[in-house]
Amino acid sequence: YLGHSMWYIPFFLILFIYFTGCFTPVAE
């Protein structure tokens, strides 16, 4: 419980923040 929460919440938060910058107007 405690270990998983402290481990996974920051992990997925960082992944999502990174994902927000993965957009481009160039189709190629």
mmCIF file of all heavy atoms, coordinates in Angstrom:
data_MODEL
# 
_entry.id   MODEL 
# 
loop_
_atom_site.group_PDB 
_atom_site.id 
_atom_site.type_symbol 
_atom_site.label_atom_id 
_atom_site.label_alt_id 
_atom_site.label_comp_id 
_atom_site.label_asym_id 
_atom_site.label_entity_id 
_atom_site.label_seq_id 
_atom_site.pdbx_PDB_ins_code 
_atom_site.Cartn_x 
_atom_site.Cartn_y 
_atom_site.Cartn_z 
_atom_site.occupancy 
_atom_site.B_iso_or_equiv 
_atom_site.pdbx_formal_charge 
_atom_site.auth_seq_id 
_atom_site.auth_comp_id 
_atom_site.auth_asym_id 
_atom_site.auth_atom_id 
_atom_site.pdbx_PDB_model_num 
ATOM 1   N N   . TYR A 1 1  ? 0.816  -1.212 0.000   1.00 0.00 ? 1  TYR A N   1 
ATOM 2   C CA  . TYR A 1 1  ? 0.000  0.000  0.000   1.00 0.00 ? 1  TYR A CA  1 
ATOM 3   C C   . TYR A 1 1  ? 0.855  1.271  0.000   1.00 0.00 ? 1  TYR A C   1 
ATOM 4   O O   . TYR A 1 1  ? 0.857  2.035  -0.967  1.00 0.00 ? 1  TYR A O   1 
ATOM 5   C CB  . TYR A 1 1  ? -0.964 -0.002 1.194   1.00 0.00 ? 1  TYR A CB  1 
ATOM 6   C CG  . TYR A 1 1  ? -1.984 -1.110 1.119   1.00 0.00 ? 1  TYR A CG  1 
ATOM 7   C CD1 . TYR A 1 1  ? -1.831 -2.282 1.851   1.00 0.00 ? 1  TYR A CD1 1 
ATOM 8   C CD2 . TYR A 1 1  ? -3.102 -0.996 0.288   1.00 0.00 ? 1  TYR A CD2 1 
ATOM 9   C CE1 . TYR A 1 1  ? -2.760 -3.313 1.766   1.00 0.00 ? 1  TYR A CE1 1 
ATOM 10  C CE2 . TYR A 1 1  ? -4.043 -2.014 0.198   1.00 0.00 ? 1  TYR A CE2 1 
ATOM 11  C CZ  . TYR A 1 1  ? -3.867 -3.176 0.940   1.00 0.00 ? 1  TYR A CZ  1 
ATOM 12  O OH  . TYR A 1 1  ? -4.780 -4.189 0.836   1.00 0.00 ? 1  TYR A OH  1 
ATOM 13  N N   . LEU A 1 2  ? 1.591  1.497  1.090   1.00 0.00 ? 2  LEU A N   1 
ATOM 14  C CA  . LEU A 1 2  ? 2.368  2.726  1.190   1.00 0.00 ? 2  LEU A CA  1 
ATOM 15  C C   . LEU A 1 2  ? 3.470  2.771  0.134   1.00 0.00 ? 2  LEU A C   1 
ATOM 16  O O   . LEU A 1 2  ? 3.637  3.769  -0.585  1.00 0.00 ? 2  LEU A O   1 
ATOM 17  C CB  . LEU A 1 2  ? 2.967  2.845  2.592   1.00 0.00 ? 2  LEU A CB  1 
ATOM 18  C CG  . LEU A 1 2  ? 3.737  4.142  2.879   1.00 0.00 ? 2  LEU A CG  1 
ATOM 19  C CD1 . LEU A 1 2  ? 2.809  5.338  2.751   1.00 0.00 ? 2  LEU A CD1 1 
ATOM 20  C CD2 . LEU A 1 2  ? 4.374  4.095  4.261   1.00 0.00 ? 2  LEU A CD2 1 
ATOM 21  N N   . GLY A 1 3  ? 4.219  1.676  0.006   1.00 0.00 ? 3  GLY A N   1 
ATOM 22  C CA  . GLY A 1 3  ? 5.316  1.631  -0.968  1.00 0.00 ? 3  GLY A CA  1 
ATOM 23  C C   . GLY A 1 3  ? 4.822  1.804  -2.390  1.00 0.00 ? 3  GLY A C   1 
ATOM 24  O O   . GLY A 1 3  ? 5.398  2.565  -3.174  1.00 0.00 ? 3  GLY A O   1 
ATOM 25  N N   . HIS A 1 4  ? 3.741  1.112  -2.736  1.00 0.00 ? 4  HIS A N   1 
ATOM 26  C CA  . HIS A 1 4  ? 3.201  1.211  -4.096  1.00 0.00 ? 4  HIS A CA  1 
ATOM 27  C C   . HIS A 1 4  ? 2.704  2.619  -4.401  1.00 0.00 ? 4  HIS A C   1 
ATOM 28  O O   . HIS A 1 4  ? 2.922  3.135  -5.506  1.00 0.00 ? 4  HIS A O   1 
ATOM 29  C CB  . HIS A 1 4  ? 2.068  0.207  -4.279  1.00 0.00 ? 4  HIS A CB  1 
ATOM 30  C CG  . HIS A 1 4  ? 2.551  -1.197 -4.467  1.00 0.00 ? 4  HIS A CG  1 
ATOM 31  N ND1 . HIS A 1 4  ? 1.714  -2.254 -4.754  1.00 0.00 ? 4  HIS A ND1 1 
ATOM 32  C CD2 . HIS A 1 4  ? 3.804  -1.728 -4.416  1.00 0.00 ? 4  HIS A CD2 1 
ATOM 33  C CE1 . HIS A 1 4  ? 2.421  -3.360 -4.884  1.00 0.00 ? 4  HIS A CE1 1 
ATOM 34  N NE2 . HIS A 1 4  ? 3.692  -3.067 -4.665  1.00 0.00 ? 4  HIS A NE2 1 
ATOM 35  N N   . SER A 1 5  ? 2.023  3.231  -3.448  1.00 0.00 ? 5  SER A N   1 
ATOM 36  C CA  . SER A 1 5  ? 1.485  4.576  -3.673  1.00 0.00 ? 5  SER A CA  1 
ATOM 37  C C   . SER A 1 5  ? 2.611  5.587  -3.892  1.00 0.00 ? 5  SER A C   1 
ATOM 38  O O   . SER A 1 5  ? 2.566  6.399  -4.818  1.00 0.00 ? 5  SER A O   1 
ATOM 39  C CB  . SER A 1 5  ? 0.616  5.011  -2.481  1.00 0.00 ? 5  SER A CB  1 
ATOM 40  O OG  . SER A 1 5  ? -0.491 4.147  -2.332  1.00 0.00 ? 5  SER A OG  1 
ATOM 41  N N   . MET A 1 6  ? 3.635  5.537  -3.029  1.00 0.00 ? 6  MET A N   1 
ATOM 42  C CA  . MET A 1 6  ? 4.744  6.483  -3.138  1.00 0.00 ? 6  MET A CA  1 
ATOM 43  C C   . MET A 1 6  ? 5.593  6.211  -4.375  1.00 0.00 ? 6  MET A C   1 
ATOM 44  O O   . MET A 1 6  ? 6.271  7.108  -4.879  1.00 0.00 ? 6  MET A O   1 
ATOM 45  C CB  . MET A 1 6  ? 5.613  6.407  -1.882  1.00 0.00 ? 6  MET A CB  1 
ATOM 46  C CG  . MET A 1 6  ? 4.922  6.871  -0.624  1.00 0.00 ? 6  MET A CG  1 
ATOM 47  S SD  . MET A 1 6  ? 5.967  6.721  0.850   1.00 0.00 ? 6  MET A SD  1 
ATOM 48  C CE  . MET A 1 6  ? 7.241  7.913  0.476   1.00 0.00 ? 6  MET A CE  1 
ATOM 49  N N   . TRP A 1 7  ? 5.550  4.986  -4.879  1.00 0.00 ? 7  TRP A N   1 
ATOM 50  C CA  . TRP A 1 7  ? 6.324  4.619  -6.058  1.00 0.00 ? 7  TRP A CA  1 
ATOM 51  C C   . TRP A 1 7  ? 5.582  4.978  -7.336  1.00 0.00 ? 7  TRP A C   1 
ATOM 52  O O   . TRP A 1 7  ? 6.098  5.689  -8.205  1.00 0.00 ? 7  TRP A O   1 
ATOM 53  C CB  . TRP A 1 7  ? 6.605  3.115  -5.982  1.00 0.00 ? 7  TRP A CB  1 
ATOM 54  C CG  . TRP A 1 7  ? 7.311  2.520  -7.169  1.00 0.00 ? 7  TRP A CG  1 
ATOM 55  C CD1 . TRP A 1 7  ? 7.862  3.173  -8.236  1.00 0.00 ? 7  TRP A CD1 1 
ATOM 56  C CD2 . TRP A 1 7  ? 7.544  1.132  -7.406  1.00 0.00 ? 7  TRP A CD2 1 
ATOM 57  N NE1 . TRP A 1 7  ? 8.413  2.269  -9.129  1.00 0.00 ? 7  TRP A NE1 1 
ATOM 58  C CE2 . TRP A 1 7  ? 8.236  1.016  -8.637  1.00 0.00 ? 7  TRP A CE2 1 
ATOM 59  C CE3 . TRP A 1 7  ? 7.234  -0.026 -6.698  1.00 0.00 ? 7  TRP A CE3 1 
ATOM 60  C CZ2 . TRP A 1 7  ? 8.613  -0.219 -9.175  1.00 0.00 ? 7  TRP A CZ2 1 
ATOM 61  C CZ3 . TRP A 1 7  ? 7.620  -1.249 -7.230  1.00 0.00 ? 7  TRP A CZ3 1 
ATOM 62  C CH2 . TRP A 1 7  ? 8.297  -1.336 -8.451  1.00 0.00 ? 7  TRP A CH2 1 
ATOM 63  N N   . TYR A 1 8  ? 4.348  4.543  -7.460  1.00 0.00 ? 8  TYR A N   1 
ATOM 64  C CA  . TYR A 1 8  ? 3.650  4.610  -8.746  1.00 0.00 ? 8  TYR A CA  1 
ATOM 65  C C   . TYR A 1 8  ? 3.022  5.962  -9.053  1.00 0.00 ? 8  TYR A C   1 
ATOM 66  O O   . TYR A 1 8  ? 2.942  6.362  -10.217 1.00 0.00 ? 8  TYR A O   1 
ATOM 67  C CB  . TYR A 1 8  ? 2.580  3.521  -8.818  1.00 0.00 ? 8  TYR A CB  1 
ATOM 68  C CG  . TYR A 1 8  ? 3.143  2.132  -8.895  1.00 0.00 ? 8  TYR A CG  1 
ATOM 69  C CD1 . TYR A 1 8  ? 2.776  1.156  -7.969  1.00 0.00 ? 8  TYR A CD1 1 
ATOM 70  C CD2 . TYR A 1 8  ? 4.056  1.790  -9.885  1.00 0.00 ? 8  TYR A CD2 1 
ATOM 71  C CE1 . TYR A 1 8  ? 3.294  -0.128 -8.043  1.00 0.00 ? 8  TYR A CE1 1 
ATOM 72  C CE2 . TYR A 1 8  ? 4.582  0.508  -9.958  1.00 0.00 ? 8  TYR A CE2 1 
ATOM 73  C CZ  . TYR A 1 8  ? 4.188  -0.448 -9.035  1.00 0.00 ? 8  TYR A CZ  1 
ATOM 74  O OH  . TYR A 1 8  ? 4.716  -1.707 -9.109  1.00 0.00 ? 8  TYR A OH  1 
ATOM 75  N N   . ILE A 1 9  ? 2.545  6.689  -8.047  1.00 0.00 ? 9  ILE A N   1 
ATOM 76  C CA  . ILE A 1 9  ? 1.914  7.984  -8.320  1.00 0.00 ? 9  ILE A CA  1 
ATOM 77  C C   . ILE A 1 9  ? 2.903  8.954  -8.961  1.00 0.00 ? 9  ILE A C   1 
ATOM 78  O O   . ILE A 1 9  ? 2.609  9.548  -10.014 1.00 0.00 ? 9  ILE A O   1 
ATOM 79  C CB  . ILE A 1 9  ? 1.280  8.566  -7.037  1.00 0.00 ? 9  ILE A CB  1 
ATOM 80  C CG1 . ILE A 1 9  ? 0.062  7.721  -6.629  1.00 0.00 ? 9  ILE A CG1 1 
ATOM 81  C CG2 . ILE A 1 9  ? 0.860  10.022 -7.247  1.00 0.00 ? 9  ILE A CG2 1 
ATOM 82  C CD1 . ILE A 1 9  ? -0.568 8.133  -5.317  1.00 0.00 ? 9  ILE A CD1 1 
ATOM 83  N N   . PRO A 1 10 ? 4.110  9.151  -8.388  1.00 0.00 ? 10 PRO A N   1 
ATOM 84  C CA  . PRO A 1 10 ? 5.083  10.025 -9.081  1.00 0.00 ? 10 PRO A CA  1 
ATOM 85  C C   . PRO A 1 10 ? 5.497  9.474  -10.443 1.00 0.00 ? 10 PRO A C   1 
ATOM 86  O O   . PRO A 1 10 ? 5.712  10.239 -11.381 1.00 0.00 ? 10 PRO A O   1 
ATOM 87  C CB  . PRO A 1 10 ? 6.275  10.066 -8.112  1.00 0.00 ? 10 PRO A CB  1 
ATOM 88  C CG  . PRO A 1 10 ? 5.732  9.668  -6.794  1.00 0.00 ? 10 PRO A CG  1 
ATOM 89  C CD  . PRO A 1 10 ? 4.633  8.706  -7.082  1.00 0.00 ? 10 PRO A CD  1 
ATOM 90  N N   . PHE A 1 11 ? 5.601  8.152  -10.568 1.00 0.00 ? 11 PHE A N   1 
ATOM 91  C CA  . PHE A 1 11 ? 6.016  7.531  -11.823 1.00 0.00 ? 11 PHE A CA  1 
ATOM 92  C C   . PHE A 1 11 ? 5.036  7.864  -12.952 1.00 0.00 ? 11 PHE A C   1 
ATOM 93  O O   . PHE A 1 11 ? 5.431  8.342  -14.022 1.00 0.00 ? 11 PHE A O   1 
ATOM 94  C CB  . PHE A 1 11 ? 6.120  6.023  -11.627 1.00 0.00 ? 11 PHE A CB  1 
ATOM 95  C CG  . PHE A 1 11 ? 6.546  5.271  -12.855 1.00 0.00 ? 11 PHE A CG  1 
ATOM 96  C CD1 . PHE A 1 11 ? 7.871  5.274  -13.261 1.00 0.00 ? 11 PHE A CD1 1 
ATOM 97  C CD2 . PHE A 1 11 ? 5.631  4.556  -13.608 1.00 0.00 ? 11 PHE A CD2 1 
ATOM 98  C CE1 . PHE A 1 11 ? 8.282  4.579  -14.389 1.00 0.00 ? 11 PHE A CE1 1 
ATOM 99  C CE2 . PHE A 1 11 ? 6.022  3.860  -14.742 1.00 0.00 ? 11 PHE A CE2 1 
ATOM 100 C CZ  . PHE A 1 11 ? 7.351  3.870  -15.133 1.00 0.00 ? 11 PHE A CZ  1 
ATOM 101 N N   . PHE A 1 12 ? 3.749  7.647  -12.713 1.00 0.00 ? 12 PHE A N   1 
ATOM 102 C CA  . PHE A 1 12 ? 2.749  7.918  -13.744 1.00 0.00 ? 12 PHE A CA  1 
ATOM 103 C C   . PHE A 1 12 ? 2.555  9.416  -13.952 1.00 0.00 ? 12 PHE A C   1 
ATOM 104 O O   . PHE A 1 12 ? 2.224  9.852  -15.056 1.00 0.00 ? 12 PHE A O   1 
ATOM 105 C CB  . PHE A 1 12 ? 1.420  7.242  -13.387 1.00 0.00 ? 12 PHE A CB  1 
ATOM 106 C CG  . PHE A 1 12 ? 1.376  5.780  -13.754 1.00 0.00 ? 12 PHE A CG  1 
ATOM 107 C CD1 . PHE A 1 12 ? 1.803  4.814  -12.865 1.00 0.00 ? 12 PHE A CD1 1 
ATOM 108 C CD2 . PHE A 1 12 ? 0.932  5.381  -15.006 1.00 0.00 ? 12 PHE A CD2 1 
ATOM 109 C CE1 . PHE A 1 12 ? 1.768  3.466  -13.208 1.00 0.00 ? 12 PHE A CE1 1 
ATOM 110 C CE2 . PHE A 1 12 ? 0.903  4.041  -15.363 1.00 0.00 ? 12 PHE A CE2 1 
ATOM 111 C CZ  . PHE A 1 12 ? 1.322  3.080  -14.463 1.00 0.00 ? 12 PHE A CZ  1 
ATOM 112 N N   . LEU A 1 13 ? 2.753  10.202 -12.908 1.00 0.00 ? 13 LEU A N   1 
ATOM 113 C CA  . LEU A 1 13 ? 2.663  11.655 -13.051 1.00 0.00 ? 13 LEU A CA  1 
ATOM 114 C C   . LEU A 1 13 ? 3.733  12.167 -14.008 1.00 0.00 ? 13 LEU A C   1 
ATOM 115 O O   . LEU A 1 13 ? 3.451  12.968 -14.912 1.00 0.00 ? 13 LEU A O   1 
ATOM 116 C CB  . LEU A 1 13 ? 2.812  12.325 -11.685 1.00 0.00 ? 13 LEU A CB  1 
ATOM 117 C CG  . LEU A 1 13 ? 2.845  13.862 -11.686 1.00 0.00 ? 13 LEU A CG  1 
ATOM 118 C CD1 . LEU A 1 13 ? 1.529  14.428 -12.200 1.00 0.00 ? 13 LEU A CD1 1 
ATOM 119 C CD2 . LEU A 1 13 ? 3.152  14.394 -10.283 1.00 0.00 ? 13 LEU A CD2 1 
ATOM 120 N N   . ILE A 1 14 ? 4.964  11.688 -13.838 1.00 0.00 ? 14 ILE A N   1 
ATOM 121 C CA  . ILE A 1 14 ? 6.061  12.118 -14.712 1.00 0.00 ? 14 ILE A CA  1 
ATOM 122 C C   . ILE A 1 14 ? 5.826  11.646 -16.143 1.00 0.00 ? 14 ILE A C   1 
ATOM 123 O O   . ILE A 1 14 ? 6.082  12.375 -17.109 1.00 0.00 ? 14 ILE A O   1 
ATOM 124 C CB  . ILE A 1 14 ? 7.403  11.603 -14.158 1.00 0.00 ? 14 ILE A CB  1 
ATOM 125 C CG1 . ILE A 1 14 ? 7.737  12.353 -12.858 1.00 0.00 ? 14 ILE A CG1 1 
ATOM 126 C CG2 . ILE A 1 14 ? 8.528  11.780 -15.168 1.00 0.00 ? 14 ILE A CG2 1 
ATOM 127 C CD1 . ILE A 1 14 ? 8.952  11.827 -12.136 1.00 0.00 ? 14 ILE A CD1 1 
ATOM 128 N N   . LEU A 1 15 ? 5.336  10.404 -16.301 1.00 0.00 ? 15 LEU A N   1 
ATOM 129 C CA  . LEU A 1 15 ? 5.026  9.907  -17.645 1.00 0.00 ? 15 LEU A CA  1 
ATOM 130 C C   . LEU A 1 15 ? 3.982  10.774 -18.333 1.00 0.00 ? 15 LEU A C   1 
ATOM 131 O O   . LEU A 1 15 ? 4.100  11.097 -19.520 1.00 0.00 ? 15 LEU A O   1 
ATOM 132 C CB  . LEU A 1 15 ? 4.538  8.459  -17.573 1.00 0.00 ? 15 LEU A CB  1 
ATOM 133 C CG  . LEU A 1 15 ? 5.578  7.359  -17.373 1.00 0.00 ? 15 LEU A CG  1 
ATOM 134 C CD1 . LEU A 1 15 ? 4.902  5.995  -17.375 1.00 0.00 ? 15 LEU A CD1 1 
ATOM 135 C CD2 . LEU A 1 15 ? 6.651  7.408  -18.444 1.00 0.00 ? 15 LEU A CD2 1 
ATOM 136 N N   . PHE A 1 16 ? 2.948  11.163 -17.587 1.00 0.00 ? 16 PHE A N   1 
ATOM 137 C CA  . PHE A 1 16 ? 1.887  11.982 -18.183 1.00 0.00 ? 16 PHE A CA  1 
ATOM 138 C C   . PHE A 1 16 ? 2.403  13.373 -18.537 1.00 0.00 ? 16 PHE A C   1 
ATOM 139 O O   . PHE A 1 16 ? 2.066  13.922 -19.600 1.00 0.00 ? 16 PHE A O   1 
ATOM 140 C CB  . PHE A 1 16 ? 0.697  12.090 -17.238 1.00 0.00 ? 16 PHE A CB  1 
ATOM 141 C CG  . PHE A 1 16 ? -0.429 12.926 -17.792 1.00 0.00 ? 16 PHE A CG  1 
ATOM 142 C CD1 . PHE A 1 16 ? -1.245 12.434 -18.797 1.00 0.00 ? 16 PHE A CD1 1 
ATOM 143 C CD2 . PHE A 1 16 ? -0.641 14.219 -17.318 1.00 0.00 ? 16 PHE A CD2 1 
ATOM 144 C CE1 . PHE A 1 16 ? -2.272 13.212 -19.320 1.00 0.00 ? 16 PHE A CE1 1 
ATOM 145 C CE2 . PHE A 1 16 ? -1.662 14.991 -17.845 1.00 0.00 ? 16 PHE A CE2 1 
ATOM 146 C CZ  . PHE A 1 16 ? -2.483 14.491 -18.840 1.00 0.00 ? 16 PHE A CZ  1 
ATOM 147 N N   . ILE A 1 17 ? 3.213  13.957 -17.660 1.00 0.00 ? 17 ILE A N   1 
ATOM 148 C CA  . ILE A 1 17 ? 3.781  15.278 -17.948 1.00 0.00 ? 17 ILE A CA  1 
ATOM 149 C C   . ILE A 1 17 ? 4.626  15.211 -19.215 1.00 0.00 ? 17 ILE A C   1 
ATOM 150 O O   . ILE A 1 17 ? 4.564  16.104 -20.076 1.00 0.00 ? 17 ILE A O   1 
ATOM 151 C CB  . ILE A 1 17 ? 4.610  15.769 -16.751 1.00 0.00 ? 17 ILE A CB  1 
ATOM 152 C CG1 . ILE A 1 17 ? 3.698  16.048 -15.557 1.00 0.00 ? 17 ILE A CG1 1 
ATOM 153 C CG2 . ILE A 1 17 ? 5.393  17.029 -17.113 1.00 0.00 ? 17 ILE A CG2 1 
ATOM 154 C CD1 . ILE A 1 17 ? 4.443  16.276 -14.258 1.00 0.00 ? 17 ILE A CD1 1 
ATOM 155 N N   . TYR A 1 18 ? 5.426  14.148 -19.341 1.00 0.00 ? 18 TYR A N   1 
ATOM 156 C CA  . TYR A 1 18 ? 6.216  13.971 -20.551 1.00 0.00 ? 18 TYR A CA  1 
ATOM 157 C C   . TYR A 1 18 ? 5.307  13.828 -21.777 1.00 0.00 ? 18 TYR A C   1 
ATOM 158 O O   . TYR A 1 18 ? 5.584  14.383 -22.841 1.00 0.00 ? 18 TYR A O   1 
ATOM 159 C CB  . TYR A 1 18 ? 7.107  12.738 -20.404 1.00 0.00 ? 18 TYR A CB  1 
ATOM 160 C CG  . TYR A 1 18 ? 7.854  12.378 -21.667 1.00 0.00 ? 18 TYR A CG  1 
ATOM 161 C CD1 . TYR A 1 18 ? 8.943  13.131 -22.088 1.00 0.00 ? 18 TYR A CD1 1 
ATOM 162 C CD2 . TYR A 1 18 ? 7.472  11.283 -22.441 1.00 0.00 ? 18 TYR A CD2 1 
ATOM 163 C CE1 . TYR A 1 18 ? 9.630  12.812 -23.246 1.00 0.00 ? 18 TYR A CE1 1 
ATOM 164 C CE2 . TYR A 1 18 ? 8.153  10.955 -23.600 1.00 0.00 ? 18 TYR A CE2 1 
ATOM 165 C CZ  . TYR A 1 18 ? 9.227  11.718 -23.995 1.00 0.00 ? 18 TYR A CZ  1 
ATOM 166 O OH  . TYR A 1 18 ? 9.902  11.403 -25.144 1.00 0.00 ? 18 TYR A OH  1 
ATOM 167 N N   . PHE A 1 19 ? 4.215  13.096 -21.606 1.00 0.00 ? 19 PHE A N   1 
ATOM 168 C CA  . PHE A 1 19 ? 3.281  12.857 -22.706 1.00 0.00 ? 19 PHE A CA  1 
ATOM 169 C C   . PHE A 1 19 ? 2.654  14.153 -23.214 1.00 0.00 ? 19 PHE A C   1 
ATOM 170 O O   . PHE A 1 19 ? 2.391  14.301 -24.414 1.00 0.00 ? 19 PHE A O   1 
ATOM 171 C CB  . PHE A 1 19 ? 2.186  11.888 -22.247 1.00 0.00 ? 19 PHE A CB  1 
ATOM 172 C CG  . PHE A 1 19 ? 1.209  11.495 -23.315 1.00 0.00 ? 19 PHE A CG  1 
ATOM 173 C CD1 . PHE A 1 19 ? 1.543  10.564 -24.285 1.00 0.00 ? 19 PHE A CD1 1 
ATOM 174 C CD2 . PHE A 1 19 ? -0.056 12.065 -23.352 1.00 0.00 ? 19 PHE A CD2 1 
ATOM 175 C CE1 . PHE A 1 19 ? 0.634  10.192 -25.267 1.00 0.00 ? 19 PHE A CE1 1 
ATOM 176 C CE2 . PHE A 1 19 ? -0.965 11.705 -24.335 1.00 0.00 ? 19 PHE A CE2 1 
ATOM 177 C CZ  . PHE A 1 19 ? -0.623 10.773 -25.294 1.00 0.00 ? 19 PHE A CZ  1 
ATOM 178 N N   . THR A 1 20 ? 2.439  15.115 -22.311 1.00 0.00 ? 20 THR A N   1 
ATOM 179 C CA  . THR A 1 20 ? 1.818  16.381 -22.726 1.00 0.00 ? 20 THR A CA  1 
ATOM 180 C C   . THR A 1 20 ? 2.686  17.161 -23.708 1.00 0.00 ? 20 THR A C   1 
ATOM 181 O O   . THR A 1 20 ? 2.192  18.018 -24.442 1.00 0.00 ? 20 THR A O   1 
ATOM 182 C CB  . THR A 1 20 ? 1.536  17.277 -21.504 1.00 0.00 ? 20 THR A CB  1 
ATOM 183 O OG1 . THR A 1 20 ? 2.766  17.553 -20.819 1.00 0.00 ? 20 THR A OG1 1 
ATOM 184 C CG2 . THR A 1 20 ? 0.565  16.607 -20.545 1.00 0.00 ? 20 THR A CG2 1 
ATOM 185 N N   . GLY A 1 21 ? 3.985  16.860 -23.735 1.00 0.00 ? 21 GLY A N   1 
ATOM 186 C CA  . GLY A 1 21 ? 4.878  17.552 -24.655 1.00 0.00 ? 21 GLY A CA  1 
ATOM 187 C C   . GLY A 1 21 ? 5.149  16.780 -25.939 1.00 0.00 ? 21 GLY A C   1 
ATOM 188 O O   . GLY A 1 21 ? 5.960  17.218 -26.757 1.00 0.00 ? 21 GLY A O   1 
ATOM 189 N N   . CYS A 1 22 ? 4.475  15.642 -26.112 1.00 0.00 ? 22 CYS A N   1 
ATOM 190 C CA  . CYS A 1 22 ? 4.725  14.782 -27.280 1.00 0.00 ? 22 CYS A CA  1 
ATOM 191 C C   . CYS A 1 22 ? 3.726  15.042 -28.413 1.00 0.00 ? 22 CYS A C   1 
ATOM 192 O O   . CYS A 1 22 ? 3.132  14.101 -28.958 1.00 0.00 ? 22 CYS A O   1 
ATOM 193 C CB  . CYS A 1 22 ? 4.673  13.310 -26.861 1.00 0.00 ? 22 CYS A CB  1 
ATOM 194 S SG  . CYS A 1 22 ? 5.986  12.819 -25.750 1.00 0.00 ? 22 CYS A SG  1 
ATOM 195 N N   . PHE A 1 23 ? 3.535  16.303 -28.766 1.00 0.00 ? 23 PHE A N   1 
ATOM 196 C CA  . PHE A 1 23 ? 2.605  16.652 -29.854 1.00 0.00 ? 23 PHE A CA  1 
ATOM 197 C C   . PHE A 1 23 ? 3.335  17.524 -30.870 1.00 0.00 ? 23 PHE A C   1 
ATOM 198 O O   . PHE A 1 23 ? 4.220  18.309 -30.517 1.00 0.00 ? 23 PHE A O   1 
ATOM 199 C CB  . PHE A 1 23 ? 1.373  17.368 -29.317 1.00 0.00 ? 23 PHE A CB  1 
ATOM 200 C CG  . PHE A 1 23 ? 0.452  16.482 -28.521 1.00 0.00 ? 23 PHE A CG  1 
ATOM 201 C CD1 . PHE A 1 23 ? 0.642  16.295 -27.155 1.00 0.00 ? 23 PHE A CD1 1 
ATOM 202 C CD2 . PHE A 1 23 ? -0.599 15.816 -29.140 1.00 0.00 ? 23 PHE A CD2 1 
ATOM 203 C CE1 . PHE A 1 23 ? -0.198 15.477 -26.426 1.00 0.00 ? 23 PHE A CE1 1 
ATOM 204 C CE2 . PHE A 1 23 ? -1.447 14.996 -28.421 1.00 0.00 ? 23 PHE A CE2 1 
ATOM 205 C CZ  . PHE A 1 23 ? -1.246 14.826 -27.054 1.00 0.00 ? 23 PHE A CZ  1 
ATOM 206 N N   . THR A 1 24 ? 2.946  17.368 -32.117 1.00 0.00 ? 24 THR A N   1 
ATOM 207 C CA  . THR A 1 24 ? 3.604  18.107 -33.196 1.00 0.00 ? 24 THR A CA  1 
ATOM 208 C C   . THR A 1 24 ? 2.597  18.431 -34.294 1.00 0.00 ? 24 THR A C   1 
ATOM 209 O O   . THR A 1 24 ? 1.653  17.668 -34.516 1.00 0.00 ? 24 THR A O   1 
ATOM 210 C CB  . THR A 1 24 ? 4.757  17.272 -33.792 1.00 0.00 ? 24 THR A CB  1 
ATOM 211 O OG1 . THR A 1 24 ? 5.318  17.965 -34.905 1.00 0.00 ? 24 THR A OG1 1 
ATOM 212 C CG2 . THR A 1 24 ? 4.273  15.912 -34.253 1.00 0.00 ? 24 THR A CG2 1 
ATOM 213 N N   . PRO A 1 25 ? 2.766  19.558 -34.988 1.00 0.00 ? 25 PRO A N   1 
ATOM 214 C CA  . PRO A 1 25 ? 1.888  19.871 -36.123 1.00 0.00 ? 25 PRO A CA  1 
ATOM 215 C C   . PRO A 1 25 ? 2.338  19.198 -37.418 1.00 0.00 ? 25 PRO A C   1 
ATOM 216 O O   . PRO A 1 25 ? 1.623  19.240 -38.427 1.00 0.00 ? 25 PRO A O   1 
ATOM 217 C CB  . PRO A 1 25 ? 2.002  21.395 -36.235 1.00 0.00 ? 25 PRO A CB  1 
ATOM 218 C CG  . PRO A 1 25 ? 3.368  21.698 -35.708 1.00 0.00 ? 25 PRO A CG  1 
ATOM 219 C CD  . PRO A 1 25 ? 3.647  20.685 -34.642 1.00 0.00 ? 25 PRO A CD  1 
ATOM 220 N N   . VAL A 1 26 ? 3.518  18.577 -37.385 1.00 0.00 ? 26 VAL A N   1 
ATOM 221 C CA  . VAL A 1 26 ? 4.090  17.951 -38.585 1.00 0.00 ? 26 VAL A CA  1 
ATOM 222 C C   . VAL A 1 26 ? 3.705  16.481 -38.632 1.00 0.00 ? 26 VAL A C   1 
ATOM 223 O O   . VAL A 1 26 ? 4.104  15.696 -37.759 1.00 0.00 ? 26 VAL A O   1 
ATOM 224 C CB  . VAL A 1 26 ? 5.622  18.097 -38.611 1.00 0.00 ? 26 VAL A CB  1 
ATOM 225 C CG1 . VAL A 1 26 ? 6.184  17.522 -39.906 1.00 0.00 ? 26 VAL A CG1 1 
ATOM 226 C CG2 . VAL A 1 26 ? 6.028  19.561 -38.442 1.00 0.00 ? 26 VAL A CG2 1 
ATOM 227 N N   . ALA A 1 27 ? 2.931  16.098 -39.650 1.00 0.00 ? 27 ALA A N   1 
ATOM 228 C CA  . ALA A 1 27 ? 2.444  14.724 -39.749 1.00 0.00 ? 27 ALA A CA  1 
ATOM 229 C C   . ALA A 1 27 ? 3.578  13.722 -39.937 1.00 0.00 ? 27 ALA A C   1 
ATOM 230 O O   . ALA A 1 27 ? 3.494  12.577 -39.486 1.00 0.00 ? 27 ALA A O   1 
ATOM 231 C CB  . ALA A 1 27 ? 1.450  14.608 -40.897 1.00 0.00 ? 27 ALA A CB  1 
ATOM 232 N N   . GLU A 1 28 ? 4.671  14.146 -40.594 1.00 0.00 ? 28 GLU A N   1 
ATOM 233 C CA  . GLU A 1 28 ? 5.783  13.243 -40.853 1.00 0.00 ? 28 GLU A CA  1 
ATOM 234 C C   . GLU A 1 28 ? 6.467  12.774 -39.572 1.00 0.00 ? 28 GLU A C   1 
ATOM 235 O O   . GLU A 1 28 ? 7.097  11.721 -39.536 1.00 0.00 ? 28 GLU A O   1 
ATOM 236 C CB  . GLU A 1 28 ? 6.817  13.908 -41.768 1.00 0.00 ? 28 GLU A CB  1 
ATOM 237 C CG  . GLU A 1 28 ? 6.400  14.044 -43.229 1.00 0.00 ? 28 GLU A CG  1 
ATOM 238 C CD  . GLU A 1 28 ? 5.349  15.137 -43.436 1.00 0.00 ? 28 GLU A CD  1 
ATOM 239 O OE1 . GLU A 1 28 ? 5.175  15.975 -42.517 1.00 0.00 ? 28 GLU A OE1 1 
ATOM 240 O OE2 . GLU A 1 28 ? 4.699  15.141 -44.496 1.00 0.00 ? 28 GLU A OE2 1 
# 
